[in-house]
Amino acid sequence: FNHRAIAIEAQRLPAPVKPLSPREVDVLTHLAMGLA
């Protein structure tokens, strides 16, 4: 059901963002884990 809903209502998905670099992912991941 979710697969079909996404196909029909694709405009409801958030606008895609620019991909993060591996280093940006590393930084945000560690910040999300509570590190200063």
Full PDB file with SEQRES, HELIX, SHEET, SSBOND, CRYST1, ORIGX, SCALE, CONECT and MASTER records, all heavy atoms in Angstrom:
SEQRES   1 A   36  PHE ASN HIS ARG ALA ILE ALA ILE GLU ALA GLN ARG LEU          
SEQRES   2 A   36  PRO ALA PRO VAL LYS PRO LEU SER PRO ARG GLU VAL ASP          
SEQRES   3 A   36  VAL LEU THR HIS LEU ALA MET GLY LEU ALA                      
HELIX    1 AA1 ASN A    2  ILE A    8  1                                   7    
HELIX    2 AA2 ALA A   10  ARG A   12  5                                   3    
HELIX    3 AA3 PRO A   22  ALA A   32  1                                  11    
CRYST1    1.000    1.000    1.000  90.00  90.00  90.00 P 1           1          
ORIGX1      1.000000  0.000000  0.000000        0.00000                         
ORIGX2      0.000000  1.000000  0.000000        0.00000                         
ORIGX3      0.000000  0.000000  1.000000        0.00000                         
SCALE1      1.000000  0.000000  0.000000        0.00000                         
SCALE2      0.000000  1.000000  0.000000        0.00000                         
SCALE3      0.000000  0.000000  1.000000        0.00000                         
ATOM      1  N   PHE A   1       0.836  -1.207   0.000  1.00  0.00           N  
ATOM      2  CA  PHE A   1       0.000   0.000   0.000  1.00  0.00           C  
ATOM      3  C   PHE A   1       0.869   1.254   0.000  1.00  0.00           C  
ATOM      4  O   PHE A   1       0.611   2.213  -0.742  1.00  0.00           O  
ATOM      5  CB  PHE A   1      -0.919  -0.009   1.219  1.00  0.00           C  
ATOM      6  CG  PHE A   1      -2.205   0.710   0.986  1.00  0.00           C  
ATOM      7  CD1 PHE A   1      -3.340   0.021   0.608  1.00  0.00           C  
ATOM      8  CD2 PHE A   1      -2.288   2.089   1.119  1.00  0.00           C  
ATOM      9  CE1 PHE A   1      -4.530   0.675   0.373  1.00  0.00           C  
ATOM     10  CE2 PHE A   1      -3.471   2.762   0.889  1.00  0.00           C  
ATOM     11  CZ  PHE A   1      -4.601   2.046   0.518  1.00  0.00           C  
ATOM     12  N   ASN A   2       1.911   1.249   0.829  1.00  0.00           N  
ATOM     13  CA  ASN A   2       2.775   2.424   0.888  1.00  0.00           C  
ATOM     14  C   ASN A   2       3.506   2.644  -0.434  1.00  0.00           C  
ATOM     15  O   ASN A   2       3.686   3.786  -0.873  1.00  0.00           O  
ATOM     16  CB  ASN A   2       3.799   2.250   2.019  1.00  0.00           C  
ATOM     17  CG  ASN A   2       4.429   3.557   2.444  1.00  0.00           C  
ATOM     18  OD1 ASN A   2       3.740   4.539   2.682  1.00  0.00           O  
ATOM     19  ND2 ASN A   2       5.746   3.584   2.549  1.00  0.00           N  
ATOM     20  N   HIS A   3       3.925   1.554  -1.055  1.00  0.00           N  
ATOM     21  CA  HIS A   3       4.603   1.648  -2.354  1.00  0.00           C  
ATOM     22  C   HIS A   3       3.702   2.319  -3.388  1.00  0.00           C  
ATOM     23  O   HIS A   3       4.141   3.204  -4.136  1.00  0.00           O  
ATOM     24  CB  HIS A   3       4.999   0.247  -2.824  1.00  0.00           C  
ATOM     25  CG  HIS A   3       5.563   0.198  -4.198  1.00  0.00           C  
ATOM     26  ND1 HIS A   3       6.842   0.628  -4.506  1.00  0.00           N  
ATOM     27  CD2 HIS A   3       5.015  -0.221  -5.380  1.00  0.00           C  
ATOM     28  CE1 HIS A   3       7.065   0.474  -5.797  1.00  0.00           C  
ATOM     29  NE2 HIS A   3       5.974  -0.031  -6.351  1.00  0.00           N  
ATOM     30  N   ARG A   4       2.434   1.919  -3.441  1.00  0.00           N  
ATOM     31  CA  ARG A   4       1.516   2.507  -4.409  1.00  0.00           C  
ATOM     32  C   ARG A   4       1.192   3.949  -4.051  1.00  0.00           C  
ATOM     33  O   ARG A   4       1.075   4.807  -4.935  1.00  0.00           O  
ATOM     34  CB  ARG A   4       0.216   1.700  -4.476  1.00  0.00           C  
ATOM     35  CG  ARG A   4       0.367   0.332  -5.091  1.00  0.00           C  
ATOM     36  CD  ARG A   4       1.173   0.350  -6.373  1.00  0.00           C  
ATOM     37  NE  ARG A   4       0.634   1.315  -7.344  1.00  0.00           N  
ATOM     38  CZ  ARG A   4       1.346   1.829  -8.342  1.00  0.00           C  
ATOM     39  NH1 ARG A   4       2.628   1.525  -8.478  1.00  0.00           N  
ATOM     40  NH2 ARG A   4       0.788   2.663  -9.182  1.00  0.00           N  
ATOM     41  N   ALA A   5       1.033   4.245  -2.759  1.00  0.00           N  
ATOM     42  CA  ALA A   5       0.725   5.616  -2.349  1.00  0.00           C  
ATOM     43  C   ALA A   5       1.850   6.562  -2.736  1.00  0.00           C  
ATOM     44  O   ALA A   5       1.606   7.681  -3.206  1.00  0.00           O  
ATOM     45  CB  ALA A   5       0.473   5.664  -0.840  1.00  0.00           C  
ATOM     46  N   ILE A   6       3.091   6.123  -2.549  1.00  0.00           N  
ATOM     47  CA  ILE A   6       4.235   6.957  -2.920  1.00  0.00           C  
ATOM     48  C   ILE A   6       4.250   7.200  -4.422  1.00  0.00           C  
ATOM     49  O   ILE A   6       4.508   8.309  -4.896  1.00  0.00           O  
ATOM     50  CB  ILE A   6       5.551   6.301  -2.457  1.00  0.00           C  
ATOM     51  CG1 ILE A   6       5.668   6.364  -0.936  1.00  0.00           C  
ATOM     52  CG2 ILE A   6       6.757   6.983  -3.094  1.00  0.00           C  
ATOM     53  CD1 ILE A   6       6.847   5.606  -0.382  1.00  0.00           C  
ATOM     54  N   ALA A   7       3.955   6.155  -5.194  1.00  0.00           N  
ATOM     55  CA  ALA A   7       3.950   6.297  -6.653  1.00  0.00           C  
ATOM     56  C   ALA A   7       2.873   7.276  -7.116  1.00  0.00           C  
ATOM     57  O   ALA A   7       3.079   8.065  -8.044  1.00  0.00           O  
ATOM     58  CB  ALA A   7       3.734   4.933  -7.305  1.00  0.00           C  
ATOM     59  N   ILE A   8       1.708   7.235  -6.460  1.00  0.00           N  
ATOM     60  CA  ILE A   8       0.595   8.102  -6.862  1.00  0.00           C  
ATOM     61  C   ILE A   8       0.770   9.523  -6.327  1.00  0.00           C  
ATOM     62  O   ILE A   8       0.495  10.498  -7.021  1.00  0.00           O  
ATOM     63  CB  ILE A   8      -0.737   7.504  -6.356  1.00  0.00           C  
ATOM     64  CG1 ILE A   8      -1.015   6.165  -7.061  1.00  0.00           C  
ATOM     65  CG2 ILE A   8      -1.893   8.478  -6.590  1.00  0.00           C  
ATOM     66  CD1 ILE A   8      -2.199   5.417  -6.494  1.00  0.00           C  
ATOM     67  N   GLU A   9       1.240   9.630  -5.101  1.00  0.00           N  
ATOM     68  CA  GLU A   9       1.335  10.932  -4.451  1.00  0.00           C  
ATOM     69  C   GLU A   9       2.785  11.353  -4.238  1.00  0.00           C  
ATOM     70  O   GLU A   9       3.171  11.798  -3.153  1.00  0.00           O  
ATOM     71  CB  GLU A   9       0.603  10.893  -3.106  1.00  0.00           C  
ATOM     72  CG  GLU A   9      -0.897  10.777  -3.250  1.00  0.00           C  
ATOM     73  CD  GLU A   9      -1.493  12.083  -3.767  1.00  0.00           C  
ATOM     74  OE1 GLU A   9      -1.656  13.024  -2.973  1.00  0.00           O  
ATOM     75  OE2 GLU A   9      -1.801  12.150  -4.965  1.00  0.00           O  
ATOM     76  N   ALA A  10       3.605  11.191  -5.269  1.00  0.00           N  
ATOM     77  CA  ALA A  10       5.032  11.494  -5.147  1.00  0.00           C  
ATOM     78  C   ALA A  10       5.289  12.939  -4.747  1.00  0.00           C  
ATOM     79  O   ALA A  10       6.305  13.253  -4.114  1.00  0.00           O  
ATOM     80  CB  ALA A  10       5.738  11.189  -6.464  1.00  0.00           C  
ATOM     81  N   GLN A  11       4.368  13.829  -5.078  1.00  0.00           N  
ATOM     82  CA  GLN A  11       4.568  15.243  -4.741  1.00  0.00           C  
ATOM     83  C   GLN A  11       4.518  15.489  -3.243  1.00  0.00           C  
ATOM     84  O   GLN A  11       4.929  16.548  -2.773  1.00  0.00           O  
ATOM     85  CB  GLN A  11       3.536  16.126  -5.452  1.00  0.00           C  
ATOM     86  CG  GLN A  11       2.112  15.948  -4.969  1.00  0.00           C  
ATOM     87  CD  GLN A  11       1.372  14.873  -5.748  1.00  0.00           C  
ATOM     88  OE1 GLN A  11       1.995  14.016  -6.347  1.00  0.00           O  
ATOM     89  NE2 GLN A  11       0.049  14.942  -5.740  1.00  0.00           N  
ATOM     90  N   ARG A  12       4.026  14.530  -2.476  1.00  0.00           N  
ATOM     91  CA  ARG A  12       3.973  14.701  -1.029  1.00  0.00           C  
ATOM     92  C   ARG A  12       5.317  14.434  -0.365  1.00  0.00           C  
ATOM     93  O   ARG A  12       5.496  14.762   0.800  1.00  0.00           O  
ATOM     94  CB  ARG A  12       2.910  13.785  -0.419  1.00  0.00           C  
ATOM     95  CG  ARG A  12       1.497  14.166  -0.802  1.00  0.00           C  
ATOM     96  CD  ARG A  12       0.465  13.281  -0.128  1.00  0.00           C  
ATOM     97  NE  ARG A  12      -0.877  13.631  -0.563  1.00  0.00           N  
ATOM     98  CZ  ARG A  12      -1.630  14.567  -0.014  1.00  0.00           C  
ATOM     99  NH1 ARG A  12      -1.163  15.230   1.024  1.00  0.00           N  
ATOM    100  NH2 ARG A  12      -2.827  14.837  -0.470  1.00  0.00           N  
ATOM    101  N   LEU A  13       6.238  13.835  -1.093  1.00  0.00           N  
ATOM    102  CA  LEU A  13       7.560  13.615  -0.525  1.00  0.00           C  
ATOM    103  C   LEU A  13       8.299  14.940  -0.401  1.00  0.00           C  
ATOM    104  O   LEU A  13       8.131  15.838  -1.234  1.00  0.00           O  
ATOM    105  CB  LEU A  13       8.377  12.672  -1.418  1.00  0.00           C  
ATOM    106  CG  LEU A  13       7.966  11.197  -1.411  1.00  0.00           C  
ATOM    107  CD1 LEU A  13       8.736  10.439  -2.480  1.00  0.00           C  
ATOM    108  CD2 LEU A  13       8.228  10.585  -0.045  1.00  0.00           C  
ATOM    109  N   PRO A  14       9.133  15.099   0.622  1.00  0.00           N  
ATOM    110  CA  PRO A  14       9.930  16.319   0.736  1.00  0.00           C  
ATOM    111  C   PRO A  14      10.831  16.488  -0.478  1.00  0.00           C  
ATOM    112  O   PRO A  14      11.244  15.501  -1.113  1.00  0.00           O  
ATOM    113  CB  PRO A  14      10.759  16.082   2.007  1.00  0.00           C  
ATOM    114  CG  PRO A  14      10.032  15.017   2.751  1.00  0.00           C  
ATOM    115  CD  PRO A  14       9.377  14.167   1.726  1.00  0.00           C  
ATOM    116  N   ALA A  15      11.123  17.728  -0.806  1.00  0.00           N  
ATOM    117  CA  ALA A  15      12.021  17.973  -1.929  1.00  0.00           C  
ATOM    118  C   ALA A  15      13.390  17.353  -1.638  1.00  0.00           C  
ATOM    119  O   ALA A  15      13.894  17.458  -0.520  1.00  0.00           O  
ATOM    120  CB  ALA A  15      12.167  19.477  -2.161  1.00  0.00           C  
ATOM    121  N   PRO A  16      13.974  16.672  -2.625  1.00  0.00           N  
ATOM    122  CA  PRO A  16      15.287  16.054  -2.389  1.00  0.00           C  
ATOM    123  C   PRO A  16      16.342  17.112  -2.082  1.00  0.00           C  
ATOM    124  O   PRO A  16      16.320  18.221  -2.625  1.00  0.00           O  
ATOM    125  CB  PRO A  16      15.581  15.338  -3.713  1.00  0.00           C  
ATOM    126  CG  PRO A  16      14.726  16.038  -4.732  1.00  0.00           C  
ATOM    127  CD  PRO A  16      13.501  16.475  -4.004  1.00  0.00           C  
ATOM    128  N   VAL A  17      17.250  16.766  -1.199  1.00  0.00           N  
ATOM    129  CA  VAL A  17      18.319  17.685  -0.840  1.00  0.00           C  
ATOM    130  C   VAL A  17      19.584  17.293  -1.573  1.00  0.00           C  
ATOM    131  O   VAL A  17      19.723  16.173  -2.071  1.00  0.00           O  
ATOM    132  CB  VAL A  17      18.584  17.659   0.683  1.00  0.00           C  
ATOM    133  CG1 VAL A  17      17.335  18.074   1.439  1.00  0.00           C  
ATOM    134  CG2 VAL A  17      19.033  16.267   1.131  1.00  0.00           C  
ATOM    135  N   LYS A  18      20.533  18.224  -1.633  1.00  0.00           N  
ATOM    136  CA  LYS A  18      21.811  17.907  -2.233  1.00  0.00           C  
ATOM    137  C   LYS A  18      22.515  16.850  -1.387  1.00  0.00           C  
ATOM    138  O   LYS A  18      22.449  16.898  -0.155  1.00  0.00           O  
ATOM    139  CB  LYS A  18      22.676  19.175  -2.319  1.00  0.00           C  
ATOM    140  CG  LYS A  18      22.101  20.261  -3.222  1.00  0.00           C  
ATOM    141  CD  LYS A  18      23.004  21.484  -3.225  1.00  0.00           C  
ATOM    142  CE  LYS A  18      22.434  22.573  -4.122  1.00  0.00           C  
ATOM    143  NZ  LYS A  18      23.288  23.801  -4.107  1.00  0.00           N  
ATOM    144  N   PRO A  19      23.160  15.890  -2.011  1.00  0.00           N  
ATOM    145  CA  PRO A  19      23.805  14.830  -1.223  1.00  0.00           C  
ATOM    146  C   PRO A  19      24.917  15.375  -0.339  1.00  0.00           C  
ATOM    147  O   PRO A  19      25.672  16.264  -0.735  1.00  0.00           O  
ATOM    148  CB  PRO A  19      24.349  13.879  -2.302  1.00  0.00           C  
ATOM    149  CG  PRO A  19      24.470  14.721  -3.534  1.00  0.00           C  
ATOM    150  CD  PRO A  19      23.356  15.714  -3.461  1.00  0.00           C  
ATOM    151  N   LEU A  20      24.993  14.825   0.872  1.00  0.00           N  
ATOM    152  CA  LEU A  20      26.066  15.206   1.782  1.00  0.00           C  
ATOM    153  C   LEU A  20      27.330  14.441   1.432  1.00  0.00           C  
ATOM    154  O   LEU A  20      27.286  13.294   0.989  1.00  0.00           O  
ATOM    155  CB  LEU A  20      25.667  14.892   3.226  1.00  0.00           C  
ATOM    156  CG  LEU A  20      24.416  15.584   3.774  1.00  0.00           C  
ATOM    157  CD1 LEU A  20      24.142  15.106   5.193  1.00  0.00           C  
ATOM    158  CD2 LEU A  20      24.565  17.092   3.731  1.00  0.00           C  
ATOM    159  N   SER A  21      28.466  15.076   1.657  1.00  0.00           N  
ATOM    160  CA  SER A  21      29.733  14.398   1.439  1.00  0.00           C  
ATOM    161  C   SER A  21      29.965  13.407   2.585  1.00  0.00           C  
ATOM    162  O   SER A  21      29.366  13.531   3.654  1.00  0.00           O  
ATOM    163  CB  SER A  21      30.881  15.408   1.406  1.00  0.00           C  
ATOM    164  OG  SER A  21      31.111  15.932   2.701  1.00  0.00           O  
ATOM    165  N   PRO A  22      30.823  12.404   2.386  1.00  0.00           N  
ATOM    166  CA  PRO A  22      31.107  11.455   3.474  1.00  0.00           C  
ATOM    167  C   PRO A  22      31.571  12.151   4.757  1.00  0.00           C  
ATOM    168  O   PRO A  22      31.201  11.746   5.863  1.00  0.00           O  
ATOM    169  CB  PRO A  22      32.204  10.569   2.889  1.00  0.00           C  
ATOM    170  CG  PRO A  22      31.962  10.606   1.416  1.00  0.00           C  
ATOM    171  CD  PRO A  22      31.503  12.010   1.138  1.00  0.00           C  
ATOM    172  N   ARG A  23      32.365  13.216   4.606  1.00  0.00           N  
ATOM    173  CA  ARG A  23      32.849  13.912   5.796  1.00  0.00           C  
ATOM    174  C   ARG A  23      31.722  14.668   6.482  1.00  0.00           C  
ATOM    175  O   ARG A  23      31.668  14.746   7.720  1.00  0.00           O  
ATOM    176  CB  ARG A  23      33.974  14.876   5.390  1.00  0.00           C  
ATOM    177  CG  ARG A  23      35.061  15.080   6.424  1.00  0.00           C  
ATOM    178  CD  ARG A  23      35.532  13.783   7.013  1.00  0.00           C  
ATOM    179  NE  ARG A  23      36.846  13.880   7.644  1.00  0.00           N  
ATOM    180  CZ  ARG A  23      37.373  12.935   8.387  1.00  0.00           C  
ATOM    181  NH1 ARG A  23      36.696  11.827   8.612  1.00  0.00           N  
ATOM    182  NH2 ARG A  23      38.572  13.071   8.899  1.00  0.00           N  
ATOM    183  N   GLU A  24      30.810  15.246   5.721  1.00  0.00           N  
ATOM    184  CA  GLU A  24      29.661  15.935   6.308  1.00  0.00           C  
ATOM    185  C   GLU A  24      28.773  14.939   7.058  1.00  0.00           C  
ATOM    186  O   GLU A  24      28.247  15.252   8.133  1.00  0.00           O  
ATOM    187  CB  GLU A  24      28.867  16.653   5.215  1.00  0.00           C  
ATOM    188  CG  GLU A  24      29.601  17.850   4.633  1.00  0.00           C  
ATOM    189  CD  GLU A  24      29.010  18.330   3.331  1.00  0.00           C  
ATOM    190  OE1 GLU A  24      28.116  17.653   2.776  1.00  0.00           O  
ATOM    191  OE2 GLU A  24      29.454  19.393   2.831  1.00  0.00           O  
ATOM    192  N   VAL A  25      28.625  13.750   6.499  1.00  0.00           N  
ATOM    193  CA  VAL A  25      27.866  12.702   7.174  1.00  0.00           C  
ATOM    194  C   VAL A  25      28.538  12.328   8.490  1.00  0.00           C  
ATOM    195  O   VAL A  25      27.886  12.188   9.531  1.00  0.00           O  
ATOM    196  CB  VAL A  25      27.723  11.453   6.271  1.00  0.00           C  
ATOM    197  CG1 VAL A  25      27.159  10.276   7.068  1.00  0.00           C  
ATOM    198  CG2 VAL A  25      26.838  11.762   5.077  1.00  0.00           C  
ATOM    199  N   ASP A  26      29.853  12.178   8.462  1.00  0.00           N  
ATOM    200  CA  ASP A  26      30.592  11.847   9.686  1.00  0.00           C  
ATOM    201  C   ASP A  26      30.367  12.906  10.764  1.00  0.00           C  
ATOM    202  O   ASP A  26      30.112  12.587  11.935  1.00  0.00           O  
ATOM    203  CB  ASP A  26      32.095  11.749   9.389  1.00  0.00           C  
ATOM    204  CG  ASP A  26      32.460  10.493   8.626  1.00  0.00           C  
ATOM    205  OD1 ASP A  26      31.640   9.552   8.610  1.00  0.00           O  
ATOM    206  OD2 ASP A  26      33.560  10.464   8.040  1.00  0.00           O  
ATOM    207  N   VAL A  27      30.493  14.164  10.374  1.00  0.00           N  
ATOM    208  CA  VAL A  27      30.363  15.263  11.335  1.00  0.00           C  
ATOM    209  C   VAL A  27      28.969  15.283  11.946  1.00  0.00           C  
ATOM    210  O   VAL A  27      28.807  15.333  13.169  1.00  0.00           O  
ATOM    211  CB  VAL A  27      30.681  16.605  10.649  1.00  0.00           C  
ATOM    212  CG1 VAL A  27      30.253  17.765  11.538  1.00  0.00           C  
ATOM    213  CG2 VAL A  27      32.166  16.705  10.338  1.00  0.00           C  
ATOM    214  N   LEU A  28      27.910  15.235  11.117  1.00  0.00           N  
ATOM    215  CA  LEU A  28      26.547  15.293  11.641  1.00  0.00           C  
ATOM    216  C   LEU A  28      26.212  14.060  12.472  1.00  0.00           C  
ATOM    217  O   LEU A  28      25.486  14.149  13.464  1.00  0.00           O  
ATOM    218  CB  LEU A  28      25.552  15.441  10.491  1.00  0.00           C  
ATOM    219  CG  LEU A  28      25.578  16.769   9.735  1.00  0.00           C  
ATOM    220  CD1 LEU A  28      24.444  16.816   8.724  1.00  0.00           C  
ATOM    221  CD2 LEU A  28      25.495  17.960  10.675  1.00  0.00           C  
ATOM    222  N   THR A  29      26.752  12.916  12.077  1.00  0.00           N  
ATOM    223  CA  THR A  29      26.493  11.691  12.837  1.00  0.00           C  
ATOM    224  C   THR A  29      27.041  11.803  14.250  1.00  0.00           C  
ATOM    225  O   THR A  29      26.364  11.479  15.231  1.00  0.00           O  
ATOM    226  CB  THR A  29      27.114  10.473  12.132  1.00  0.00           C  
ATOM    227  OG1 THR A  29      26.511  10.314  10.841  1.00  0.00           O  
ATOM    228  CG2 THR A  29      26.902   9.205  12.943  1.00  0.00           C  
ATOM    229  N   HIS A  30      28.263  12.282  14.378  1.00  0.00           N  
ATOM    230  CA  HIS A  30      28.866  12.416  15.698  1.00  0.00           C  
ATOM    231  C   HIS A  30      28.161  13.490  16.535  1.00  0.00           C  
ATOM    232  O   HIS A  30      27.983  13.330  17.741  1.00  0.00           O  
ATOM    233  CB  HIS A  30      30.356  12.742  15.572  1.00  0.00           C  
ATOM    234  CG  HIS A  30      31.195  11.546  15.213  1.00  0.00           C  
ATOM    235  ND1 HIS A  30      31.342  11.114  13.920  1.00  0.00           N  
ATOM    236  CD2 HIS A  30      31.916  10.696  15.986  1.00  0.00           C  
ATOM    237  CE1 HIS A  30      32.128  10.050  13.901  1.00  0.00           C  
ATOM    238  NE2 HIS A  30      32.486   9.771  15.141  1.00  0.00           N  
ATOM    239  N   LEU A  31      27.743  14.564  15.903  1.00  0.00           N  
ATOM    240  CA  LEU A  31      26.996  15.591  16.630  1.00  0.00           C  
ATOM    241  C   LEU A  31      25.650  15.034  17.104  1.00  0.00           C  
ATOM    242  O   LEU A  31      25.196  15.329  18.214  1.00  0.00           O  
ATOM    243  CB  LEU A  31      26.779  16.821  15.747  1.00  0.00           C  
ATOM    244  CG  LEU A  31      28.024  17.653  15.435  1.00  0.00           C  
ATOM    245  CD1 LEU A  31      27.691  18.745  14.424  1.00  0.00           C  
ATOM    246  CD2 LEU A  31      28.608  18.271  16.708  1.00  0.00           C  
ATOM    247  N   ALA A  32      25.009  14.228  16.261  1.00  0.00           N  
ATOM    248  CA  ALA A  32      23.724  13.634  16.631  1.00  0.00           C  
ATOM    249  C   ALA A  32      23.870  12.666  17.784  1.00  0.00           C  
ATOM    250  O   ALA A  32      22.919  12.427  18.542  1.00  0.00           O  
ATOM    251  CB  ALA A  32      23.119  12.919  15.426  1.00  0.00           C  
ATOM    252  N   MET A  33      25.051  12.099  17.967  1.00  0.00           N  
ATOM    253  CA  MET A  33      25.312  11.160  19.052  1.00  0.00           C  
ATOM    254  C   MET A  33      25.659  11.860  20.353  1.00  0.00           C  
ATOM    255  O   MET A  33      25.971  11.224  21.360  1.00  0.00           O  
ATOM    256  CB  MET A  33      26.434  10.199  18.643  1.00  0.00           C  
ATOM    257  CG  MET A  33      25.982   9.221  17.556  1.00  0.00           C  
ATOM    258  SD  MET A  33      27.341   8.433  16.659  1.00  0.00           S  
ATOM    259  CE  MET A  33      28.221   7.642  17.986  1.00  0.00           C  
ATOM    260  N   GLY A  34      25.629  13.222  20.338  1.00  0.00           N  
ATOM    261  CA  GLY A  34      25.810  13.973  21.569  1.00  0.00           C  
ATOM    262  C   GLY A  34      27.213  14.468  21.846  1.00  0.00           C  
ATOM    263  O   GLY A  34      27.466  15.032  22.910  1.00  0.00           O  
ATOM    264  N   LEU A  35      28.135  14.290  20.909  1.00  0.00           N  
ATOM    265  CA  LEU A  35      29.500  14.763  21.126  1.00  0.00           C  
ATOM    266  C   LEU A  35      29.588  16.264  20.919  1.00  0.00           C  
ATOM    267  O   LEU A  35      28.902  16.829  20.058  1.00  0.00           O  
ATOM    268  CB  LEU A  35      30.467  14.060  20.169  1.00  0.00           C  
ATOM    269  CG  LEU A  35      30.619  12.536  20.333  1.00  0.00           C  
ATOM    270  CD1 LEU A  35      31.595  12.000  19.301  1.00  0.00           C  
ATOM    271  CD2 LEU A  35      31.079  12.185  21.733  1.00  0.00           C  
ATOM    272  N   ALA A  36      30.428  16.912  21.695  1.00  0.00           N  
ATOM    273  CA  ALA A  36      30.689  18.338  21.502  1.00  0.00           C  
ATOM    274  C   ALA A  36      31.554  18.522  20.254  1.00  0.00           C  
ATOM    275  O   ALA A  36      32.213  17.586  19.786  1.00  0.00           O  
ATOM    276  CB  ALA A  36      31.399  18.909  22.725  1.00  0.00           C  
TER     277      ALA A  36                                                      
MASTER        0    0    0    3    0    0    0    6  276    1    0    3          
END                                                                             
